[in-house]
C-alpha cells in the first residue's frame, strides 16, 4: 500500500522549485533597485547590501514557480523620517512618490506605480514591490521596521520580517522542512483555484498546523495525510484571524475561501484513499484538481495497469 505517495510529492515539489536562473534574476533586480535608491539616500557612502532585505516569499524561501512578485524593503536613513514628519497631508503617500521618482531616473521606461505600502516596478519577468522602511533600533520595537501605508489618509505600520523568517525556520527545523513544503503546495492551490486568502495568512496557518501535527516528524511518505489534515484544520479558521510573527496586528481571514477549502478537503480524502489502494493515476487526478498541472498525472501507473489488464 501507498507505493506512489513519495514519488508523487517529490515530483510535485520539484516542479514548484525555482530554477537557478529565476533566483539569479530576482537577486539581480533587487540589487539594481537597491543600488539606485542607495545612490539617492546615501550619496556619500559606498553601496552596502544591508540597505535592503528581500521579504515575502523570496525572503522566506517559499517562492514557487511560476514566478511571483518579489517583495523587498529598502532601509531609509532616520533623517528622512524627521523630514517627512514636518510635512502636511498624506506623508506616507509623499514618501512613496519620492521613491518612485528616484527609481524612474534609473528605470525611465518602466511604468512604476506607488500605492498602499509599496512602489511597484513591473519588469518583464518580475513585478518588484519596493517597501520604503525605517529600522527601529531602540526600545520595545528594536529590530522591527516602520513602513508607510497610504490608506485612510496615511499611517505608519510595524513590520518584522526577521521574526517571520525565524518562526518558519524554527518550525521547519522541528519538522524536517514540512512548513515550507506545505506553504509552497498551498500557494499552488491558491493559484489553481483562485482562493481568496492572502499568502501571508496561509503561511501563518501552515506554521501553526505543522507545529501541532502529530506526524510532523515523519517523512514525505506522510504528505498525502498532511495535505488532507491541513484542509480539515483550516476550516476551523473560517472568519478567524491570522497574526504574523513579531507584530500585534491581526489579519482577518473572513470566509471567501471556505467552499474551496471544503472542496479541497473532500478531494484530498479521495486522493488519500486512492494512494492507499495504490491507484496512482486516480490519486494524481484528484491532487491535480487541487494543485493544478504542476502535480503530474501518473500516466506510468495507468499504462502499467492497462498492460496488466490486457
Protein backbone atom coordinates (compact mmCIF):
# COMPACT_ATOMS: atom_id res chain seq x y z
CA UNK A 1 0.00 0.00 0.00
CA UNK A 2 0.93 3.68 -0.52
CA UNK A 3 3.54 2.83 -3.15
CA UNK A 4 3.22 6.16 -5.00
CA UNK A 5 2.96 8.87 -2.32
CA UNK A 6 6.67 9.62 -2.01
CA UNK A 7 7.24 9.79 -5.76
CA UNK A 8 4.11 11.91 -6.32
CA UNK A 9 5.08 14.58 -3.79
CA UNK A 10 8.79 14.61 -4.56
CA UNK A 11 7.94 15.28 -8.21
CA UNK A 12 5.37 17.92 -7.32
CA UNK A 13 7.73 19.81 -5.01
CA UNK A 14 10.40 19.64 -7.71
CA UNK A 15 8.02 21.28 -10.18
CA UNK A 16 7.36 24.10 -7.70
CA UNK A 17 11.04 24.82 -7.11
CA UNK A 18 12.52 27.97 -8.69
CA UNK A 19 15.33 27.41 -11.17
CA UNK A 20 18.80 28.81 -10.61
CA UNK A 21 18.26 31.35 -13.42
CA UNK A 22 14.99 32.53 -11.87
CA UNK A 23 16.67 33.02 -8.49
CA UNK A 24 19.57 34.85 -10.13
CA UNK A 25 17.14 37.10 -12.00
CA UNK A 26 15.34 38.02 -8.76
CA UNK A 27 18.61 38.69 -6.95
CA UNK A 28 19.83 40.89 -9.78
CA UNK A 29 16.68 43.01 -9.91
CA UNK A 30 16.64 43.54 -6.15
CA UNK A 31 20.30 44.56 -6.23
CA UNK A 32 19.82 47.06 -9.09
CA UNK A 33 16.86 48.69 -7.35
CA UNK A 34 18.71 48.89 -4.05
CA UNK A 35 21.76 50.46 -5.69
CA UNK A 36 19.57 53.05 -7.40
CA UNK A 37 17.92 54.08 -4.13
CA UNK A 38 21.16 53.92 -2.17
CA UNK A 39 22.70 56.48 -4.54
CA UNK A 40 19.88 58.89 -3.72
CA UNK A 41 19.55 58.39 0.02
CA UNK A 42 23.20 57.66 0.91
CA UNK A 43 25.06 59.79 -1.68
CA UNK A 44 28.34 59.96 0.21
CA UNK A 45 28.61 56.27 1.07
CA UNK A 46 29.74 53.17 -0.80
CA UNK A 47 26.88 50.75 -1.52
CA UNK A 48 26.20 48.25 1.24
CA UNK A 49 23.83 45.29 0.96
CA UNK A 50 22.48 45.93 4.48
CA UNK A 51 20.31 48.64 2.93
CA UNK A 52 17.77 46.19 1.56
CA UNK A 53 16.05 42.98 2.60
CA UNK A 54 14.17 40.54 0.42
CA UNK A 55 10.95 39.77 2.26
CA UNK A 56 7.77 37.85 1.50
CA UNK A 57 8.12 34.51 -0.26
CA UNK A 58 11.60 35.22 -1.64
CA UNK A 59 12.91 36.27 1.74
CA UNK A 60 11.49 33.16 3.43
CA UNK A 61 12.34 30.79 0.56
CA UNK A 62 8.70 29.90 -0.03
CA UNK A 63 8.55 31.32 -3.57
CA UNK A 64 7.36 28.90 -6.24
CA UNK A 65 7.12 28.55 -9.95
CA UNK A 66 5.63 30.17 -11.90
CA UNK A 67 7.43 33.25 -10.63
CA UNK A 68 5.54 35.60 -8.35
CA UNK A 69 6.09 39.17 -7.21
CA UNK A 70 9.37 39.94 -5.48
CA UNK A 71 8.97 41.96 -2.27
CA UNK A 72 11.82 43.94 -0.75
CA UNK A 73 12.34 46.50 2.00
CA UNK A 74 14.70 49.38 1.36
CA UNK A 75 16.03 50.88 4.60
CA UNK A 76 15.99 54.67 4.59
CA UNK A 77 18.13 56.97 6.78
CA UNK A 78 16.47 58.03 10.03
CA UNK A 79 16.72 61.67 8.93
CA UNK A 80 14.22 61.06 6.14
CA UNK A 81 11.58 60.20 8.74
CA UNK A 82 12.18 63.50 10.54
CA UNK A 83 11.84 65.38 7.26
CA UNK A 84 8.58 63.60 6.42
CA UNK A 85 7.07 64.31 9.82
CA UNK A 86 7.47 68.05 9.18
CA UNK A 87 5.21 67.80 6.11
CA UNK A 88 1.45 68.19 5.98
CA UNK A 89 -1.05 65.91 4.27
CA UNK A 90 -0.51 62.23 3.49
CA UNK A 91 3.17 61.90 4.41
CA UNK A 92 3.26 58.22 3.51
CA UNK A 93 1.98 58.89 0.01
CA UNK A 94 4.57 61.62 -0.42
CA UNK A 95 7.30 59.17 0.60
CA UNK A 96 6.19 56.57 -1.92
CA UNK A 97 6.04 59.18 -4.68
CA UNK A 98 9.54 60.38 -3.78
CA UNK A 99 10.90 56.82 -4.02
CA UNK A 100 9.03 56.33 -7.30
CA UNK A 101 10.65 59.42 -8.81
CA UNK A 102 14.08 58.23 -7.69
CA UNK A 103 13.60 54.86 -9.39
CA UNK A 104 12.37 56.46 -12.61
CA UNK A 105 15.80 58.06 -13.02
CA UNK A 106 17.30 54.57 -13.31
CA UNK A 107 14.36 52.84 -14.99
CA UNK A 108 12.78 55.57 -17.18
CA UNK A 109 11.00 53.10 -19.47
CA UNK A 110 9.31 51.17 -16.66
CA UNK A 111 5.73 52.06 -15.69
CA UNK A 112 6.45 52.40 -11.97
CA UNK A 113 3.49 52.98 -9.68
CA UNK A 114 3.05 53.77 -5.99
CA UNK A 115 0.11 52.94 -3.76
CA UNK A 116 -0.73 51.28 -0.48
CA UNK A 117 2.54 50.22 1.11
CA UNK A 118 4.82 49.79 -1.90
CA UNK A 119 6.32 51.24 -5.02
CA UNK A 120 5.71 48.71 -7.79
CA UNK A 121 8.15 48.19 -10.65
CA UNK A 122 6.60 45.86 -13.27
CA UNK A 123 9.61 44.36 -15.02
CA UNK A 124 9.23 41.81 -17.79
CA UNK A 125 10.00 38.79 -15.62
CA UNK A 126 9.06 40.07 -12.16
CA UNK A 127 6.91 42.69 -10.53
CA UNK A 128 9.08 44.09 -7.76
CA UNK A 129 7.29 45.65 -4.77
CA UNK A 130 9.65 48.07 -3.03
CA UNK A 131 8.63 48.99 0.52
CA UNK A 132 10.48 52.00 1.97
CA UNK A 133 11.24 51.31 5.63
CA UNK A 134 12.88 52.75 8.73
CA UNK A 135 14.70 50.38 11.06
CA UNK A 136 13.82 50.82 14.72
CA UNK A 137 16.85 50.44 16.98
CA UNK A 138 15.70 51.37 20.47
CA UNK A 139 13.05 50.29 22.93
CA UNK A 140 10.48 47.52 22.66
CA UNK A 141 10.40 47.68 18.85
CA UNK A 142 14.15 47.20 18.39
CA UNK A 143 14.87 45.29 15.17
CA UNK A 144 11.45 45.90 13.67
CA UNK A 145 10.71 48.23 10.75
CA UNK A 146 8.35 51.14 10.29
CA UNK A 147 6.69 51.12 6.86
CA UNK A 148 4.35 53.51 5.09
CA UNK A 149 0.68 52.84 4.41
CA UNK A 150 -1.07 55.43 2.24
CA UNK A 151 -4.63 54.26 3.00
CA UNK A 152 -7.07 56.18 5.22
CA UNK A 153 -5.11 59.42 4.96
CA UNK A 154 -1.78 57.76 5.64
CA UNK A 155 -0.24 55.99 8.64
CA UNK A 156 2.87 54.15 9.79
CA UNK A 157 2.81 50.39 10.38
CA UNK A 158 5.17 47.91 12.02
CA UNK A 159 6.80 45.07 10.09
CA UNK A 160 9.06 42.33 11.44
CA UNK A 161 10.35 40.19 8.54
CA UNK A 162 13.14 38.76 10.70
CA UNK A 163 10.62 37.33 13.18
CA UNK A 164 8.58 35.85 10.31
CA UNK A 165 11.69 34.24 8.85
CA UNK A 166 12.85 32.89 12.21
CA UNK A 167 9.44 31.42 13.05
CA UNK A 168 9.33 29.49 9.78
CA UNK A 169 12.91 28.24 10.25
CA UNK A 170 12.07 27.06 13.77
CA UNK A 171 9.00 25.15 12.59
CA UNK A 172 10.97 23.65 9.70
CA UNK A 173 13.81 22.59 12.00
CA UNK A 174 11.35 20.69 14.19
CA UNK A 175 9.54 19.05 11.27
CA UNK A 176 12.13 18.27 8.57
CA UNK A 177 11.04 21.24 6.44
CA UNK A 178 7.35 20.44 6.35
CA UNK A 179 6.14 24.02 6.88
CA UNK A 180 7.99 25.33 3.81
CA UNK A 181 6.83 22.38 1.71
CA UNK A 182 3.21 22.83 2.81
CA UNK A 183 3.30 26.58 2.13
CA UNK A 184 4.60 26.00 -1.39
CA UNK A 185 1.87 23.47 -2.10
CA UNK A 186 -0.81 25.77 -0.68
CA UNK A 187 0.34 28.55 -2.99
CA UNK A 188 -0.24 26.18 -5.92
CA UNK A 189 -3.75 25.55 -4.56
CA UNK A 190 -4.37 29.29 -4.15
CA UNK A 191 -3.28 29.93 -7.74
CA UNK A 192 -5.12 26.97 -9.31
CA UNK A 193 -8.42 27.51 -7.50
CA UNK A 194 -8.33 31.32 -7.20
CA UNK A 195 -8.60 31.09 -3.43
CA UNK A 196 -9.45 34.41 -1.77
CA UNK A 197 -6.89 34.45 1.03
CA UNK A 198 -3.60 36.28 1.47
CA UNK A 199 -0.43 34.23 1.10
CA UNK A 200 0.85 35.51 4.46
CA UNK A 201 -2.27 34.05 6.10
CA UNK A 202 -1.60 30.66 4.50
CA UNK A 203 1.93 30.85 5.87
CA UNK A 204 0.72 31.60 9.39
CA UNK A 205 -1.83 28.76 9.27
CA UNK A 206 0.76 26.34 7.89
CA UNK A 207 3.19 27.16 10.70
CA UNK A 208 0.52 26.70 13.37
CA UNK A 209 -0.69 23.45 11.81
CA UNK A 210 2.72 21.83 11.37
CA UNK A 211 3.74 22.76 14.93
CA UNK A 212 0.91 20.64 16.35
CA UNK A 213 0.51 17.96 13.63
CA UNK A 214 1.05 14.51 15.09
CA UNK A 215 3.06 13.28 12.08
CA UNK A 216 5.40 16.28 11.83
CA UNK A 217 8.45 14.07 12.48
CA UNK A 218 7.63 11.60 9.70
CA UNK A 219 8.98 11.58 6.12
CA UNK A 220 7.45 12.74 2.84
CA UNK A 221 5.62 9.39 2.84
CA UNK A 222 3.02 11.15 5.02
CA UNK A 223 2.48 14.17 2.77
CA UNK A 224 -0.87 12.95 1.45
CA UNK A 225 -2.15 12.93 5.02
CA UNK A 226 -0.51 16.28 5.71
CA UNK A 227 -2.46 17.94 2.89
CA UNK A 228 -5.72 16.25 3.94
CA UNK A 229 -5.29 17.13 7.61
CA UNK A 230 -4.33 20.74 6.86
CA UNK A 231 -7.53 21.45 4.93
CA UNK A 232 -9.56 19.99 7.81
CA UNK A 233 -7.57 22.17 10.23
CA UNK A 234 -8.01 25.29 8.08
CA UNK A 235 -11.79 25.03 8.19
CA UNK A 236 -11.70 25.83 11.92
CA UNK A 237 -10.38 29.30 10.99
CA UNK A 238 -13.30 30.48 8.88
CA UNK A 239 -13.94 34.10 9.92
CA UNK A 240 -10.95 33.87 12.24
CA UNK A 241 -7.67 35.79 12.38
CA UNK A 242 -4.04 35.26 11.43
CA UNK A 243 -1.25 37.01 13.30
CA UNK A 244 2.18 37.26 11.61
CA UNK A 245 5.19 36.79 13.87
CA UNK A 246 6.70 39.76 15.66
CA UNK A 247 3.79 42.23 15.49
CA UNK A 248 0.45 42.66 17.25
CA UNK A 249 -1.56 43.14 14.04
CA UNK A 250 -4.20 40.51 13.29
CA UNK A 251 -5.32 39.90 9.72
CA UNK A 252 -8.98 38.90 9.27
CA UNK A 253 -9.33 35.62 7.36
CA UNK A 254 -13.03 36.11 6.51
CA UNK A 255 -14.84 33.28 4.71
CA UNK A 256 -14.47 33.77 0.96
CA UNK A 257 -12.27 30.68 0.76
CA UNK A 258 -14.46 28.30 2.81
CA UNK A 259 -16.21 26.46 -0.03
CA UNK A 260 -12.93 25.94 -1.91
CA UNK A 261 -11.32 24.61 1.24
CA UNK A 262 -14.17 22.12 1.67
CA UNK A 263 -13.75 21.04 -1.95
CA UNK A 264 -10.01 20.61 -1.50
CA UNK A 265 -10.54 18.62 1.70
CA UNK A 266 -13.02 16.24 0.05
CA UNK A 267 -10.72 15.74 -2.93
CA UNK A 268 -7.79 15.11 -0.58
CA UNK A 269 -9.86 12.46 1.23
CA UNK A 270 -10.42 10.68 -2.08
CA UNK A 271 -6.80 11.07 -3.12
CA UNK A 272 -5.62 9.54 0.16
CA UNK A 273 -7.93 6.57 -0.37
CA UNK A 274 -6.56 6.10 -3.90
CA UNK A 275 -2.99 6.39 -2.60
CA UNK A 276 -3.74 3.68 -0.02
CA UNK A 277 -5.19 1.48 -2.78
CA UNK A 278 -2.09 2.10 -4.95
CA UNK A 279 -4.19 3.64 -7.72
CA UNK A 280 -1.58 6.19 -8.74
CA UNK A 281 -3.50 7.63 -11.68
CA UNK A 282 -6.74 8.21 -9.74
CA UNK A 283 -4.81 9.71 -6.82
CA UNK A 284 -2.82 12.07 -9.04
CA UNK A 285 -6.03 13.10 -10.82
CA UNK A 286 -7.54 14.24 -7.52
CA UNK A 287 -4.34 16.01 -6.46
CA UNK A 288 -4.23 17.80 -9.81
CA UNK A 289 -7.75 19.16 -9.23
CA UNK A 290 -6.42 20.72 -6.03
CA UNK A 291 -2.98 21.87 -7.14
CA UNK A 292 -3.08 22.21 -10.92
CA UNK A 293 -0.97 20.74 -13.70
CA UNK A 294 2.28 21.01 -11.76
CA UNK A 295 1.07 17.89 -9.97
CA UNK A 296 1.60 15.48 -12.85
CA UNK A 297 -0.87 12.77 -13.75
CA UNK A 298 0.56 9.33 -13.05
CA UNK A 299 0.34 8.03 -16.61
CA UNK A 300 3.07 5.47 -15.97
CA UNK A 301 0.94 3.72 -13.39
CA UNK A 302 -2.12 3.93 -15.62
CA UNK A 303 -0.27 2.34 -18.56
CA UNK A 304 1.13 -0.42 -16.36
CA UNK A 305 -2.33 -1.26 -15.06
CA UNK A 306 -3.72 -1.30 -18.60
CA UNK A 307 -0.95 -3.65 -19.66
CA UNK A 308 -1.60 -5.98 -16.72
CA UNK A 309 -5.29 -5.97 -17.52
CA UNK A 310 -4.58 -6.83 -21.16
